[in-house]
Protein backbone atom coordinates (compact mmCIF):
# COMPACT_ATOMS: atom_id res chain seq x y z
CA MET A 1 5.71 -20.20 -3.53
CA LYS A 2 8.37 -18.36 -1.60
CA PHE A 3 8.24 -14.84 -0.62
CA THR A 4 11.32 -13.34 -0.82
CA GLU A 5 13.21 -9.88 -1.58
CA LYS A 6 13.37 -11.11 -5.37
CA LEU A 7 9.93 -10.81 -5.52
CA TRP A 8 9.45 -7.39 -4.25
CA LEU A 9 12.00 -6.17 -6.24
CA LYS A 10 10.63 -7.53 -9.29
CA ILE A 11 7.12 -6.34 -8.61
CA LEU A 12 8.50 -2.99 -7.82
CA LEU A 13 10.61 -2.79 -11.09
CA ILE A 14 7.49 -3.33 -12.68
CA ALA A 15 5.43 -0.57 -11.23
CA VAL A 16 8.68 1.96 -11.79
CA ILE A 17 8.77 1.30 -15.14
CA PHE A 18 5.19 1.60 -16.03
CA LEU A 19 5.03 4.93 -14.54
CA GLN A 20 7.89 6.19 -16.24
CA ILE A 21 6.74 5.07 -19.58
CA LYS A 22 6.60 8.49 -21.66
CA ILE A 23 3.16 9.75 -21.74
CA LYS A 24 3.01 12.74 -24.48
CA ALA A 25 -1.14 13.34 -24.37
CA GLN A 26 -1.94 16.77 -23.56
CA GLN A 27 -2.82 17.29 -19.93
CA THR A 28 -1.19 14.34 -18.58
CA GLU A 29 -0.08 15.34 -14.62
CA ILE A 30 2.03 13.35 -12.54
CA LYS A 31 1.59 13.62 -8.92
CA LEU A 32 3.72 13.33 -5.12
CA ASN A 33 1.70 12.37 -2.12
CA ALA A 34 2.95 15.18 0.29
CA ALA A 35 0.94 13.49 2.77
CA PHE A 36 3.25 10.58 2.97
CA VAL A 37 6.85 12.03 2.59
CA PRO A 38 7.16 13.30 6.63
CA LEU A 39 6.88 9.63 6.98
CA THR A 40 9.86 8.86 4.66
CA MET A 41 7.24 6.43 2.25
CA LEU A 42 7.38 7.55 -1.48
CA ASN A 43 3.68 7.61 -3.29
CA ILE A 44 3.75 8.65 -7.24
CA ALA A 45 1.10 8.62 -9.72
CA VAL A 46 0.50 10.06 -13.16
CA GLU A 47 -2.81 10.83 -13.92
CA LYS A 48 -3.75 10.82 -18.06
CA PRO A 49 -7.64 12.13 -19.54
CA LEU A 50 -9.34 10.09 -22.23
CA ASN A 51 -11.75 12.67 -22.42
CA LYS A 52 -13.73 15.68 -21.10
CA LYS A 53 -15.10 13.35 -17.95
CA LEU A 54 -12.96 10.55 -17.55
CA SER A 55 -9.24 9.81 -16.91
CA ILE A 56 -6.94 6.96 -15.58
CA GLN A 57 -4.52 7.17 -12.92
CA ALA A 58 -1.10 4.54 -12.10
CA GLU A 59 -0.37 4.63 -8.91
CA GLY A 60 3.03 3.47 -6.89
CA PHE A 61 3.31 3.30 -3.30
CA ILE A 62 6.74 2.36 -1.59
CA SER A 63 7.38 1.52 2.29
CA PRO A 64 11.13 -0.19 2.03
CA TRP A 65 11.78 -0.34 5.64
CA LYS A 66 12.74 -3.77 6.82
CA SER A 67 12.47 -1.52 10.25
CA LEU A 68 10.69 1.58 10.98
CA TYR A 69 10.90 2.50 14.46
CA GLY A 70 11.52 -0.60 15.34
CA LYS A 71 8.52 -2.65 13.50
CA ASN A 72 8.45 -4.03 10.34
CA MET A 73 7.04 -1.59 7.78
CA GLN A 74 7.77 -3.20 3.97
CA ILE A 75 4.88 -2.33 1.44
CA TYR A 76 5.19 -2.59 -2.17
CA MET A 77 1.28 -1.13 -3.64
CA GLY A 78 0.92 -0.43 -7.67
CA THR A 79 -2.88 0.80 -8.49
CA LEU A 80 -4.87 1.43 -11.65
CA GLU A 81 -7.85 3.81 -11.27
CA GLY A 82 -10.66 4.81 -13.00
CA ARG A 83 -11.98 8.39 -12.72
CA TYR A 84 -14.80 10.27 -13.57
CA TYR A 85 -15.52 14.10 -13.32
CA PHE A 86 -18.06 16.05 -12.42
CA ASP A 87 -17.03 19.01 -13.94
CA GLU A 88 -14.23 18.36 -16.46
CA VAL A 89 -11.80 16.18 -16.24
CA MET A 90 -8.69 16.60 -13.58
CA LYS A 91 -10.72 19.95 -12.56
CA LYS A 92 -12.81 19.79 -8.80
CA TRP A 93 -14.89 16.71 -7.67
CA TYR A 94 -15.12 13.12 -8.78
CA ILE A 95 -15.58 9.65 -8.10
CA GLY A 96 -13.61 6.63 -8.92
CA ALA A 97 -12.87 2.76 -8.96
CA TYR A 98 -9.65 1.31 -8.35
CA GLY A 99 -7.58 -2.18 -8.09
CA SER A 100 -4.48 -2.62 -6.35
CA VAL A 101 -1.97 -5.34 -5.62
CA THR A 102 0.56 -5.32 -2.32
CA ALA A 103 3.06 -6.86 -1.25
CA PHE A 104 4.22 -6.74 2.23
CA ASN A 105 5.84 -7.38 5.33
CA ILE A 106 4.39 -5.82 7.81
CA GLN A 107 3.38 -5.92 11.65
CA LYS A 108 -0.63 -5.23 12.16
CA TRP A 109 -1.65 -2.80 14.42
CA ASN A 110 -2.54 -5.71 16.74
CA TYR A 111 0.46 -7.47 16.84
CA LEU A 112 2.51 -4.50 17.60
CA ARG A 113 3.38 -5.36 21.13
CA SER A 114 5.54 -8.18 22.63
CA ALA A 115 3.64 -11.26 23.73
CA VAL A 116 3.52 -14.23 25.52
CA VAL A 117 4.32 -17.49 23.45
CA TYR A 118 2.66 -20.83 24.15
CA ASP A 119 3.07 -23.73 23.98
CA SER A 120 0.67 -26.38 21.93
CA ASN A 121 -0.63 -27.89 25.21
CA GLY A 122 -0.96 -23.64 25.88
CA ASN A 123 1.42 -23.17 28.87
CA PRO A 124 3.26 -20.14 28.48
CA GLU A 125 7.03 -21.09 27.00
CA LEU A 126 10.08 -20.57 29.02
CA LEU A 127 13.71 -19.21 28.13
CA SER A 128 17.04 -20.93 28.91
CA ASN A 129 16.69 -18.41 31.94
CA GLY A 130 13.71 -19.16 33.15
CA ASN A 131 11.32 -16.14 32.13
CA VAL A 132 8.47 -16.35 30.05
CA ARG A 133 8.88 -16.07 26.17
CA LEU A 134 7.88 -13.04 25.03
CA THR A 135 7.98 -11.93 21.36
CA GLU A 136 6.31 -9.15 18.62
CA ARG A 137 5.05 -11.22 15.51
CA TYR A 138 5.16 -10.01 11.88
CA GLN A 139 3.37 -11.09 9.03
CA LYS A 140 4.40 -11.35 4.98
CA GLY A 141 2.29 -12.06 1.65
CA LEU A 142 0.46 -10.62 -1.05
CA ALA A 143 -2.83 -8.31 -1.01
CA PHE A 144 -5.81 -7.77 -3.90
CA THR A 145 -7.90 -4.87 -3.75
CA ILE A 146 -10.84 -3.60 -5.56
CA GLY A 147 -12.57 -0.17 -4.19
CA VAL A 148 -14.35 3.03 -4.98
CA SER A 149 -13.01 6.08 -4.63
CA GLY A 150 -13.68 9.93 -4.10
CA GLY A 151 -11.68 13.10 -3.99
CA TYR A 152 -11.05 16.92 -5.38
CA HIS A 153 -8.92 18.70 -8.01
CA PHE A 154 -7.60 22.11 -7.25
CA ARG A 155 -6.32 23.96 -9.74
CA ILE A 156 -3.63 26.48 -8.64
CA ASN A 157 -2.13 27.59 -11.86
CA ASP A 158 -1.71 26.26 -15.63
CA GLN A 159 0.52 23.89 -14.32
CA LEU A 160 -0.32 22.66 -10.26
CA GLY A 161 -2.56 21.65 -8.26
CA LEU A 162 -3.63 19.64 -5.26
CA ASP A 163 -5.66 16.30 -5.34
CA ILE A 164 -7.15 15.54 -2.02
CA TYR A 165 -8.79 11.87 -2.14
CA ALA A 166 -9.60 8.69 -0.22
CA GLY A 167 -10.47 5.08 -1.00
CA ILE A 168 -12.09 2.48 0.83
CA GLY A 169 -11.76 -1.16 -0.73
CA ALA A 170 -12.18 -4.75 -0.22
CA THR A 171 -8.88 -6.77 0.72
CA GLN A 172 -7.82 -10.34 0.12
CA SER A 173 -4.90 -11.01 1.67
CA ILE A 174 -2.68 -14.24 1.83
CA TYR A 175 0.35 -14.24 4.18
CA LYS A 176 2.04 -15.65 6.50
CA GLY A 177 3.11 -15.01 10.58
CA TYR A 178 6.29 -15.18 12.00
CA TYR A 179 7.90 -14.48 15.60
CA LYS A 180 9.94 -11.57 15.75
CA ASP A 181 12.63 -13.60 18.54
CA ASN A 182 13.44 -15.97 15.83
CA ASN A 183 11.78 -15.69 12.24
CA GLU A 184 9.58 -19.15 12.87
CA ARG A 185 6.11 -19.55 11.66
CA TYR A 186 3.49 -18.80 14.50
CA ASP A 187 0.09 -19.99 12.81
CA SER A 188 -1.16 -23.31 12.28
CA ALA A 189 -1.49 -23.32 8.63
CA GLN A 190 0.29 -25.33 7.20
CA ASN A 191 0.91 -23.44 4.16
CA TRP A 192 -0.72 -19.48 3.62
CA ASN A 193 -3.03 -17.64 6.23
CA LYS A 194 -6.01 -15.72 4.12
CA SER A 195 -8.06 -13.09 5.03
CA GLY A 196 -10.81 -10.43 3.75
CA GLU A 197 -11.74 -7.16 5.22
CA VAL A 198 -13.33 -3.68 4.04
CA ILE A 199 -11.25 -0.88 4.77
CA PRO A 200 -9.51 2.46 3.99
CA THR A 201 -6.87 1.47 1.34
CA ARG A 202 -5.70 5.09 -0.07
CA GLY A 203 -5.89 8.71 0.57
CA GLY A 204 -3.82 11.83 1.62
CA VAL A 205 -2.61 14.59 -0.48
CA MET A 206 -1.38 14.93 -4.26
CA VAL A 207 0.49 17.57 -5.30
CA THR A 208 -0.07 17.48 -9.09
CA TYR A 209 2.30 18.75 -12.25
CA LYS A 210 0.44 19.26 -15.82
CA LEU A 211 2.89 18.13 -18.37
CA LYS A 212 3.39 20.21 -21.02
């Protein structure tokens, strides 16, 4: 499976179409995550009530930057979440369960700095000028997450509100790792690397607007 920008664009297109479906149900809310706006990342959502206690939310997260402050930071994520409100739908405390699919081209936190490149014998590689080869590394792939969330929904007035939330999930990833100086693979896997971890995967402060 070749991982290209065309795949990312298809995933983004599907997410945008899904989020822009015209929903006429009363109390449907559209949301913008204010926490990511200063980081030039877009996180939008649509939440629709199912009954007095339950709702469903479709969410998209986009970080389109091939390079942000010199680091790979491309992320396209789609999330579907079910919520249970203890008081009344879209009011006060709630818990939820969600699933996410993510396409990424990023640098993991432990690959942000340049490191020595070693040859197959374990010796540092040398450049043509005799210097030791140093470079950063980045990862491209897909991630699948299932998790639980919780939050509090404030009402400011009849249409505006705030949704403060966080979620933690079990994430399974398939990816390929590359050197930044020549875009060749640094990992020894013949096809995809695989990894699994339990980490925080979502959160923020959503400004909400109720449609009429």
